[in-house]
Protein backbone atom coordinates (compact mmCIF):
# COMPACT_ATOMS: atom_id res chain seq x y z
CA MET A 1 53.50 14.13 -70.34
CA SER A 2 51.60 10.87 -69.92
CA SER A 3 53.63 7.73 -69.42
CA LEU A 4 50.80 5.69 -70.92
CA PRO A 5 50.61 4.64 -74.62
CA TYR A 6 47.82 7.14 -75.05
CA ASN A 7 47.11 10.77 -74.14
CA ASP A 8 45.01 10.21 -70.98
CA TYR A 9 42.52 12.49 -69.39
CA GLY A 10 43.79 12.05 -65.89
CA THR A 11 47.27 13.39 -66.65
CA TRP A 12 45.80 16.18 -68.77
CA ILE A 13 43.29 17.48 -66.14
CA ARG A 14 45.91 17.48 -63.44
CA SER A 15 47.99 19.73 -65.68
CA GLN A 16 45.10 22.27 -65.82
CA PHE A 17 44.78 22.91 -62.15
CA PRO A 18 47.03 23.16 -59.08
CA PHE A 19 44.60 21.13 -57.13
CA ARG A 20 42.49 17.94 -57.52
CA VAL A 21 39.18 18.39 -59.41
CA GLN A 22 36.20 16.25 -59.87
CA LYS A 23 33.07 16.57 -62.12
CA ILE A 24 29.73 16.76 -60.47
CA SER A 25 26.93 15.82 -62.83
CA ILE A 26 23.79 17.89 -63.12
CA ASP A 27 20.44 17.20 -64.52
CA ALA A 28 19.09 20.69 -65.27
CA GLY A 29 15.84 19.48 -66.75
CA PHE A 30 16.63 19.81 -70.48
CA SER A 31 15.07 17.93 -73.35
CA CYS A 32 16.51 17.14 -76.85
CA PRO A 33 15.32 18.27 -80.30
CA ASN A 34 14.96 14.65 -81.34
CA ARG A 35 12.49 14.02 -78.51
CA ASP A 36 10.19 17.03 -78.72
CA GLY A 37 9.68 16.92 -82.51
CA ARG A 38 12.01 19.74 -83.72
CA ALA A 39 14.45 17.18 -85.24
CA GLY A 40 12.57 13.92 -84.41
CA LEU A 41 10.56 11.98 -81.88
CA GLY A 42 11.63 9.35 -79.42
CA GLY A 43 15.15 10.32 -78.92
CA CYS A 44 18.19 8.23 -79.81
CA ILE A 45 17.33 4.48 -79.98
CA TYR A 46 19.91 3.55 -77.33
CA CYS A 47 19.27 6.33 -74.89
CA ASP A 48 18.20 6.08 -71.23
CA ASN A 49 19.90 8.86 -69.16
CA ARG A 50 19.36 6.92 -65.91
CA THR A 51 22.38 4.75 -67.06
CA PHE A 52 24.84 7.58 -66.26
CA ASN A 53 23.17 9.84 -63.82
CA PRO A 54 24.57 9.38 -60.25
CA SER A 55 22.31 9.22 -57.26
CA TYR A 56 22.87 12.91 -56.37
CA CYS A 57 21.80 14.05 -59.83
CA ASN A 58 18.07 14.81 -59.70
CA ARG A 59 16.24 17.31 -61.94
CA LYS A 60 13.61 17.80 -59.17
CA ARG A 61 16.35 19.66 -57.17
CA SER A 62 17.94 22.95 -58.10
CA ILE A 63 21.36 23.25 -59.81
CA THR A 64 22.78 24.55 -56.53
CA GLU A 65 21.22 21.68 -54.53
CA GLN A 66 22.53 19.06 -56.85
CA LEU A 67 26.05 20.55 -56.74
CA GLU A 68 25.98 20.73 -52.93
CA ASP A 69 24.77 17.06 -52.85
CA GLY A 70 27.64 16.11 -55.16
CA LYS A 71 30.16 17.87 -53.12
CA ARG A 72 29.05 16.04 -50.04
CA PHE A 73 29.27 12.79 -51.91
CA PHE A 74 32.87 13.33 -52.94
CA ALA A 75 34.12 15.19 -49.95
CA ARG A 76 34.02 12.02 -47.83
CA LYS A 77 37.10 10.89 -49.78
CA TYR A 78 38.84 14.15 -50.77
CA PRO A 79 37.92 16.98 -48.37
CA ASP A 80 40.07 19.50 -50.30
CA MET A 81 38.58 18.74 -53.67
CA LYS A 82 37.52 21.34 -56.16
CA TYR A 83 34.77 20.72 -58.71
CA LEU A 84 33.60 21.12 -62.31
CA ALA A 85 29.86 21.53 -62.74
CA TYR A 86 29.02 18.91 -65.46
CA PHE A 87 25.84 19.77 -67.35
CA GLN A 88 25.40 16.15 -68.47
CA ALA A 89 21.83 14.95 -68.95
CA TYR A 90 20.26 15.38 -72.40
CA THR A 91 20.98 18.57 -74.48
CA ASN A 92 22.48 21.23 -72.20
CA THR A 93 22.27 24.05 -74.72
CA TYR A 94 18.65 23.50 -75.63
CA ALA A 95 17.11 26.68 -74.28
CA SER A 96 17.17 30.35 -74.66
CA VAL A 97 20.61 32.08 -74.19
CA GLU A 98 19.23 33.96 -71.28
CA THR A 99 18.06 30.88 -69.57
CA LEU A 100 21.34 29.13 -70.15
CA LYS A 101 23.29 32.11 -68.78
CA GLU A 102 21.31 31.85 -65.54
CA MET A 103 21.92 28.17 -65.25
CA TYR A 104 25.63 28.23 -65.96
CA GLU A 105 26.26 31.25 -63.75
CA GLU A 106 24.17 29.69 -60.87
CA ALA A 107 26.61 26.78 -61.03
CA LEU A 108 29.70 28.88 -61.13
CA GLY A 109 28.38 30.79 -58.09
CA VAL A 110 28.54 27.69 -55.86
CA ASP A 111 31.52 27.56 -53.55
CA GLY A 112 34.21 25.17 -54.81
CA ILE A 113 33.10 25.12 -58.48
CA VAL A 114 36.01 26.16 -60.67
CA GLY A 115 34.59 25.55 -64.09
CA ILE A 116 31.93 23.93 -66.11
CA VAL A 117 31.54 21.19 -68.63
CA ILE A 118 28.53 21.37 -71.09
CA GLY A 119 27.39 18.21 -72.80
CA THR A 120 25.22 18.93 -75.93
CA ARG A 121 24.47 18.19 -79.52
CA PRO A 122 26.13 19.70 -82.59
CA ASP A 123 22.78 21.03 -83.87
CA CYS A 124 22.14 22.97 -80.72
CA MET A 125 24.93 25.54 -80.70
CA PRO A 126 23.74 28.92 -82.22
CA ASP A 127 26.23 31.67 -82.85
CA GLU A 128 24.66 33.82 -80.11
CA LEU A 129 25.34 31.12 -77.55
CA LEU A 130 28.87 30.68 -78.86
CA ASP A 131 29.45 34.42 -78.40
CA TYR A 132 28.43 34.05 -74.72
CA LEU A 133 30.53 30.86 -74.21
CA THR A 134 33.53 32.71 -75.72
CA GLU A 135 33.29 35.42 -73.05
CA LEU A 136 32.70 32.86 -70.29
CA ASN A 137 35.74 30.88 -71.42
CA ARG A 138 37.90 34.05 -70.63
CA GLN A 139 36.52 34.00 -67.05
CA THR A 140 36.47 30.32 -66.08
CA PHE A 141 37.55 26.83 -67.13
CA LEU A 142 35.14 25.56 -69.84
CA ILE A 143 34.75 22.40 -71.87
CA VAL A 144 31.95 21.92 -74.42
CA GLU A 145 31.53 18.30 -75.52
CA TYR A 146 29.42 17.19 -78.47
CA GLY A 147 27.68 13.92 -78.99
CA ILE A 148 29.00 12.91 -82.44
CA GLU A 149 28.29 9.18 -81.90
CA SER A 150 29.28 8.20 -85.48
CA ALA A 151 30.92 9.57 -88.61
CA ASN A 152 28.55 7.48 -90.79
CA ASP A 153 25.33 9.23 -91.82
CA ASN A 154 23.51 5.98 -92.46
CA THR A 155 24.21 5.05 -88.88
CA LEU A 156 23.09 8.45 -87.59
CA ARG A 157 19.81 8.02 -89.36
CA LEU A 158 19.37 4.51 -87.95
CA ILE A 159 19.93 5.61 -84.39
CA ASN A 160 17.63 8.63 -84.76
CA ARG A 161 20.25 11.30 -84.08
CA GLY A 162 18.58 13.90 -86.16
CA HIS A 163 21.86 15.48 -87.44
CA THR A 164 24.62 14.59 -89.85
CA PHE A 165 28.29 14.08 -89.33
CA GLU A 166 28.98 17.26 -91.35
CA CYS A 167 26.95 19.16 -88.85
CA SER A 168 29.25 17.71 -86.14
CA ARG A 169 32.37 18.63 -88.03
CA GLN A 170 31.26 22.22 -88.63
CA THR A 171 30.15 22.81 -85.00
CA VAL A 172 33.31 21.35 -83.51
CA GLU A 173 35.30 23.67 -85.83
CA ARG A 174 33.10 26.72 -84.88
CA THR A 175 33.62 25.94 -81.26
CA SER A 176 37.38 25.25 -81.46
CA GLU A 177 38.01 28.41 -83.41
CA ARG A 178 36.70 30.41 -80.41
CA GLY A 179 39.46 28.94 -78.24
CA ILE A 180 37.07 26.76 -76.26
CA ILE A 181 38.23 23.29 -75.15
CA THR A 182 36.16 21.04 -77.46
CA GLY A 183 35.19 17.45 -76.80
CA GLY A 184 33.48 14.73 -78.81
CA HIS A 185 31.72 11.55 -77.81
CA ILE A 186 31.45 8.43 -79.99
CA ILE A 187 29.99 5.05 -79.58
CA VAL A 188 31.80 1.93 -80.94
CA GLY A 189 29.77 -1.07 -82.14
CA LEU A 190 26.59 0.59 -83.30
CA PRO A 191 24.39 -1.65 -85.55
CA GLY A 192 25.90 -1.94 -88.98
CA GLU A 193 29.36 -0.72 -88.01
CA ASP A 194 32.02 -3.47 -87.86
CA ALA A 195 35.70 -3.01 -86.72
CA GLU A 196 36.76 -1.93 -90.27
CA GLU A 197 34.15 0.81 -90.33
CA THR A 198 35.14 1.93 -86.81
CA VAL A 199 38.78 2.31 -87.74
CA ARG A 200 37.77 4.17 -90.87
CA GLN A 201 36.00 6.66 -88.68
CA ALA A 202 39.07 7.22 -86.51
CA LYS A 203 40.62 9.06 -89.33
CA ALA A 204 37.66 11.29 -89.61
CA MET A 205 37.72 12.00 -85.89
CA SER A 206 41.43 12.98 -86.21
CA GLY A 207 40.56 15.37 -88.99
CA MET A 208 38.22 17.27 -86.62
CA LYS A 209 39.45 20.12 -84.41
CA LEU A 210 38.82 18.04 -81.21
CA ASP A 211 40.77 18.40 -78.01
CA ILE A 212 39.10 15.61 -76.08
CA LEU A 213 37.53 12.30 -77.19
CA LYS A 214 35.20 10.12 -75.11
CA ILE A 215 34.75 6.57 -76.51
CA HIS A 216 32.53 3.85 -75.18
CA GLN A 217 31.00 0.48 -76.30
CA MET A 218 27.49 0.25 -77.50
CA GLN A 219 25.25 -0.94 -74.63
CA ILE A 220 21.75 -2.29 -75.03
CA ILE A 221 19.55 -0.85 -72.28
CA LYS A 222 16.28 -2.35 -71.24
CA GLY A 223 13.26 -0.50 -72.51
CA THR A 224 15.01 1.30 -75.36
CA GLU A 225 14.18 1.01 -79.08
CA LEU A 226 17.60 -0.51 -79.52
CA ALA A 227 16.67 -3.28 -77.03
CA ARG A 228 13.49 -3.98 -79.01
CA MET A 229 15.37 -4.30 -82.25
CA TYR A 230 18.01 -6.63 -80.55
CA ILE A 231 15.34 -8.80 -79.10
CA GLU A 232 13.45 -9.09 -82.34
CA LYS A 233 16.52 -9.61 -84.44
CA PRO A 234 19.73 -10.12 -82.49
CA PHE A 235 22.92 -8.53 -84.01
CA HIS A 236 26.58 -8.96 -83.14
CA ILE A 237 27.76 -7.51 -79.84
CA TYR A 238 31.54 -7.06 -79.26
CA THR A 239 33.20 -9.46 -76.76
CA VAL A 240 35.73 -7.94 -74.54
CA ASP A 241 38.55 -9.21 -76.64
CA GLU A 242 37.02 -7.99 -79.86
CA TYR A 243 36.36 -4.60 -78.44
CA MET A 244 39.85 -4.31 -77.05
CA SER A 245 41.30 -5.22 -80.38
CA THR A 246 39.16 -2.76 -82.19
CA ILE A 247 39.99 0.08 -79.78
CA ALA A 248 43.70 -0.81 -79.92
CA GLU A 249 43.59 -0.31 -83.71
CA TYR A 250 41.30 2.69 -83.54
CA ILE A 251 43.52 4.84 -81.33
CA GLN A 252 46.49 4.22 -83.59
CA TRP A 253 44.76 6.53 -86.06
CA ILE A 254 43.86 9.19 -83.43
CA ARG A 255 46.09 12.29 -83.25
CA GLU A 256 48.52 12.19 -80.39
CA ASP A 257 47.43 15.63 -79.13
CA ILE A 258 43.78 14.52 -78.63
CA VAL A 259 43.12 13.66 -74.99
CA ILE A 260 41.29 10.37 -74.56
CA GLU A 261 38.93 10.62 -71.57
CA ARG A 262 37.58 7.17 -71.47
CA PHE A 263 37.29 3.91 -73.46
CA VAL A 264 34.23 2.28 -71.98
CA SER A 265 31.13 3.06 -70.00
CA GLN A 266 29.43 0.99 -67.31
CA SER A 267 25.65 1.05 -67.09
CA PRO A 268 23.83 -0.29 -64.03
CA LYS A 269 23.68 -4.14 -64.24
CA ASP A 270 19.90 -4.27 -63.64
CA MET A 271 19.28 -2.04 -66.75
CA LEU A 272 21.85 -3.70 -69.07
CA ILE A 273 20.94 -6.39 -71.59
CA ALA A 274 24.32 -6.61 -73.38
CA PRO A 275 27.26 -6.71 -73.38
CA GLN A 276 27.68 -8.40 -69.94
CA TRP A 277 31.45 -8.16 -69.56
CA GLY A 278 31.60 -8.07 -65.83
CA LEU A 279 34.43 -5.51 -65.93
CA LYS A 280 34.65 -2.13 -64.27
CA ASN A 281 35.86 0.76 -66.39
CA TYR A 282 39.27 0.85 -64.81
CA GLU A 283 39.68 -2.91 -65.19
CA PHE A 284 39.05 -2.69 -68.93
CA THR A 285 41.39 0.34 -69.24
CA ASN A 286 44.15 -1.65 -67.48
CA LEU A 287 43.62 -4.58 -69.82
CA LEU A 288 43.87 -2.26 -72.81
CA THR A 289 46.90 -0.55 -71.53
CA ASN A 290 48.70 -3.79 -70.97
CA HIS A 291 47.77 -4.90 -74.43
CA LEU A 292 49.01 -1.77 -76.05
CA ARG A 293 52.35 -2.05 -74.14
CA LYS A 294 52.67 -5.74 -74.99
CA THR A 295 52.11 -5.07 -78.72
CA GLY A 296 54.27 -1.93 -78.76
CA THR A 297 51.50 0.26 -80.10
CA ARG A 298 50.32 3.70 -79.02
CA GLN A 299 47.90 6.47 -79.90
CA GLY A 300 48.61 8.06 -83.31
CA CYS A 301 51.47 5.70 -84.29
CA LYS A 302 49.92 5.05 -87.73
CA ILE A 303 49.48 8.70 -88.58
CA ILE A 304 52.09 9.81 -91.04
CA THR A 305 53.12 13.46 -90.63
CA GLU A 306 54.81 15.36 -93.37
């Protein structure tokens, strides 16, 4: 049980294993259906995968090589660490089932890998693949996380996601019903979404069969379509205090059983236009935790159960 005013990922993941685990990110060379024309072109208007790929994550190297590089990177600090292979970059279910099986099983064959995390889109999860993942889930630790981004279809069209919120809801339900740990990712502060709209969406997220929720602020990255829009016609970007206030209200409408993996993301400074907060992820999380304790609020406290 977490001593924090929210259901934190660190406490939860430690309860899943008798040893310390760490994700190792993999770029397995995938694309996305809103990049190659199936659902659209150009990708999401905010996206540049270089903002979250660590140095050891290089699609020119094999999955095994990337994992071995990642293990060496983390072993300096924790020699006895075990690892989760994190298929992170782009849409990691966007290939044939046979190809995906080979990739996932290659990762699981690397010494010290005790499970996998698959990041993907809700419109890229066919039943045949879910059948395979259901079997895989019986053999190893597995999380499937979906980029939901927003519960507002107007916003999803604006950011060029290529799917609806209903698609997200249905796919999360299909995955959860298979007994697979199911995560969702959202972005707070997208164009046209103010604090009131963000809080409204919290209730929609709580209504989904999510086990884990990843939240981060909208970031404007150099060279993206979002950056072009911002430069041509600047729109409001949250300050630290505004974002903290919004998140503090937001999580009060998130079910207590949903694990919150993060509240912010930190893009490389040389790629980031805004917001320039000058805070590391843990520094913001500490500020938020202190704010929640000071105000006596906690995750799920506004949800009325019957």
